[in-house]
Amino acid sequence: AGKAIVVNFGGWIKKEIEETQCGIYVNPHQPADFVKKIAPFLKDEKLLKAHQRAARQLGERRYSRVQISKKFAELFLSM
């Protein structure tokens, strides 16, 4: 959808979002963390657009139905 992503849990998704710069991680136990990290996006439209573009690119590259279907089919072809 090309929307910047906000996650409040760790793991591989947090790592992927941070590495691709398509969103932010916020600590769910510190509401002020959300306010602090979202503020730059409210002030800088270019920053927001860059993260939105990166989110779209990530979705198309790794999570499109075509890509997922190919990987699923490869599971059966390799048996």
C-alpha atoms as a PDB file:
ATOM      1  CA  ALA A   1       0.000   0.000   0.000  1.00  0.00           C
ATOM      2  CA  GLY A   2       3.026   2.258   0.234  1.00  0.00           C
ATOM      3  CA  LYS A   3       2.442   3.279   3.833  1.00  0.00           C
ATOM      4  CA  ALA A   4       5.186   3.818   6.382  1.00  0.00           C
ATOM      5  CA  ILE A   5       5.129   1.019   8.950  1.00  0.00           C
ATOM      6  CA  VAL A   6       5.018   1.283  12.733  1.00  0.00           C
ATOM      7  CA  VAL A   7       5.743  -1.845  14.772  1.00  0.00           C
ATOM      8  CA  ASN A   8       5.766  -2.279  18.529  1.00  0.00           C
ATOM      9  CA  PHE A   9       7.443  -5.686  18.753  1.00  0.00           C
ATOM     10  CA  GLY A  10      10.928  -6.952  18.018  1.00  0.00           C
ATOM     11  CA  GLY A  11      12.259  -9.804  15.976  1.00  0.00           C
ATOM     12  CA  TRP A  12      12.878 -10.210  12.274  1.00  0.00           C
ATOM     13  CA  ILE A  13      10.121  -7.801  11.241  1.00  0.00           C
ATOM     14  CA  LYS A  14      11.611  -4.986  13.336  1.00  0.00           C
ATOM     15  CA  LYS A  15      15.024  -5.705  11.834  1.00  0.00           C
ATOM     16  CA  GLU A  16      13.663  -5.731   8.275  1.00  0.00           C
ATOM     17  CA  ILE A  17      11.766  -2.467   8.742  1.00  0.00           C
ATOM     18  CA  GLU A  18      14.784  -0.727  10.221  1.00  0.00           C
ATOM     19  CA  GLU A  19      17.173  -2.050   7.557  1.00  0.00           C
ATOM     20  CA  THR A  20      14.913  -1.022   4.670  1.00  0.00           C
ATOM     21  CA  GLN A  21      13.994   2.290   6.317  1.00  0.00           C
ATOM     22  CA  CYS A  22      10.323   1.811   5.587  1.00  0.00           C
ATOM     23  CA  GLY A  23       9.050   2.515   9.085  1.00  0.00           C
ATOM     24  CA  ILE A  24       9.846   2.724  12.766  1.00  0.00           C
ATOM     25  CA  TYR A  25       9.855   0.612  15.904  1.00  0.00           C
ATOM     26  CA  VAL A  26       8.259   2.046  19.037  1.00  0.00           C
ATOM     27  CA  ASN A  27       8.471   0.628  22.523  1.00  0.00           C
ATOM     28  CA  PRO A  28       4.939  -0.463  23.520  1.00  0.00           C
ATOM     29  CA  HIS A  29       5.683   0.275  27.176  1.00  0.00           C
ATOM     30  CA  GLN A  30       6.743   3.868  26.537  1.00  0.00           C
ATOM     31  CA  PRO A  31       4.015   5.903  24.801  1.00  0.00           C
ATOM     32  CA  ALA A  32       6.337   8.911  24.656  1.00  0.00           C
ATOM     33  CA  ASP A  33       8.601   6.849  22.383  1.00  0.00           C
ATOM     34  CA  PHE A  34       5.875   6.869  19.731  1.00  0.00           C
ATOM     35  CA  VAL A  35       5.457  10.637  19.937  1.00  0.00           C
ATOM     36  CA  LYS A  36       9.230  11.163  19.744  1.00  0.00           C
ATOM     37  CA  LYS A  37       9.696   8.887  16.742  1.00  0.00           C
ATOM     38  CA  ILE A  38       6.651   9.961  14.735  1.00  0.00           C
ATOM     39  CA  ALA A  39       7.339  13.706  15.093  1.00  0.00           C
ATOM     40  CA  PRO A  40       9.998  13.878  12.329  1.00  0.00           C
ATOM     41  CA  PHE A  41       7.513  12.395   9.838  1.00  0.00           C
ATOM     42  CA  LEU A  42       4.935  15.050  10.696  1.00  0.00           C
ATOM     43  CA  LYS A  43       7.472  17.828  10.140  1.00  0.00           C
ATOM     44  CA  ASP A  44       9.226  16.476   7.035  1.00  0.00           C
ATOM     45  CA  GLU A  45       7.052  15.284   4.165  1.00  0.00           C
ATOM     46  CA  LYS A  46      10.119  14.150   2.194  1.00  0.00           C
ATOM     47  CA  LEU A  47      11.093  11.809   5.016  1.00  0.00           C
ATOM     48  CA  LEU A  48       7.578  10.382   5.115  1.00  0.00           C
ATOM     49  CA  LYS A  49       7.493   9.917   1.327  1.00  0.00           C
ATOM     50  CA  ALA A  50      10.879   8.172   1.378  1.00  0.00           C
ATOM     51  CA  HIS A  51       9.664   5.686   3.986  1.00  0.00           C
ATOM     52  CA  GLN A  52       6.436   5.159   2.056  1.00  0.00           C
ATOM     53  CA  ARG A  53       8.390   4.421  -1.130  1.00  0.00           C
ATOM     54  CA  ALA A  54      10.634   2.008   0.724  1.00  0.00           C
ATOM     55  CA  ALA A  55       7.589   0.226   2.176  1.00  0.00           C
ATOM     56  CA  ARG A  56       6.087  -0.165  -1.272  1.00  0.00           C
ATOM     57  CA  GLN A  57       9.361  -1.481  -2.693  1.00  0.00           C
ATOM     58  CA  LEU A  58       9.722  -3.960   0.148  1.00  0.00           C
ATOM     59  CA  GLY A  59       6.176  -5.191  -0.366  1.00  0.00           C
ATOM     60  CA  GLU A  60       6.629  -5.642  -4.089  1.00  0.00           C
ATOM     61  CA  ARG A  61      10.049  -7.269  -3.770  1.00  0.00           C
ATOM     62  CA  ARG A  62       9.429  -9.692  -0.893  1.00  0.00           C
ATOM     63  CA  TYR A  63       5.715 -10.014  -0.255  1.00  0.00           C
ATOM     64  CA  SER A  64       3.881  -9.808  -3.564  1.00  0.00           C
ATOM     65  CA  ARG A  65       1.515 -12.665  -4.370  1.00  0.00           C
ATOM     66  CA  VAL A  66       3.672 -13.518  -7.377  1.00  0.00           C
ATOM     67  CA  GLN A  67       6.834 -13.826  -5.263  1.00  0.00           C
ATOM     68  CA  ILE A  68       5.118 -15.803  -2.513  1.00  0.00           C
ATOM     69  CA  SER A  69       3.469 -18.125  -5.046  1.00  0.00           C
ATOM     70  CA  LYS A  70       6.817 -18.828  -6.711  1.00  0.00           C
ATOM     71  CA  LYS A  71       8.433 -19.685  -3.387  1.00  0.00           C
ATOM     72  CA  PHE A  72       5.493 -21.904  -2.460  1.00  0.00           C
ATOM     73  CA  ALA A  73       5.689 -23.774  -5.781  1.00  0.00           C
ATOM     74  CA  GLU A  74       9.451 -24.218  -5.389  1.00  0.00           C
ATOM     75  CA  LEU A  75       8.818 -26.122  -2.160  1.00  0.00           C
ATOM     76  CA  PHE A  76       6.990 -28.822  -4.095  1.00  0.00           C
ATOM     77  CA  LEU A  77       9.354 -28.832  -7.061  1.00  0.00           C
ATOM     78  CA  SER A  78      12.327 -29.489  -4.789  1.00  0.00           C
ATOM     79  CA  MET A  79      10.757 -32.647  -3.283  1.00  0.00           C
END
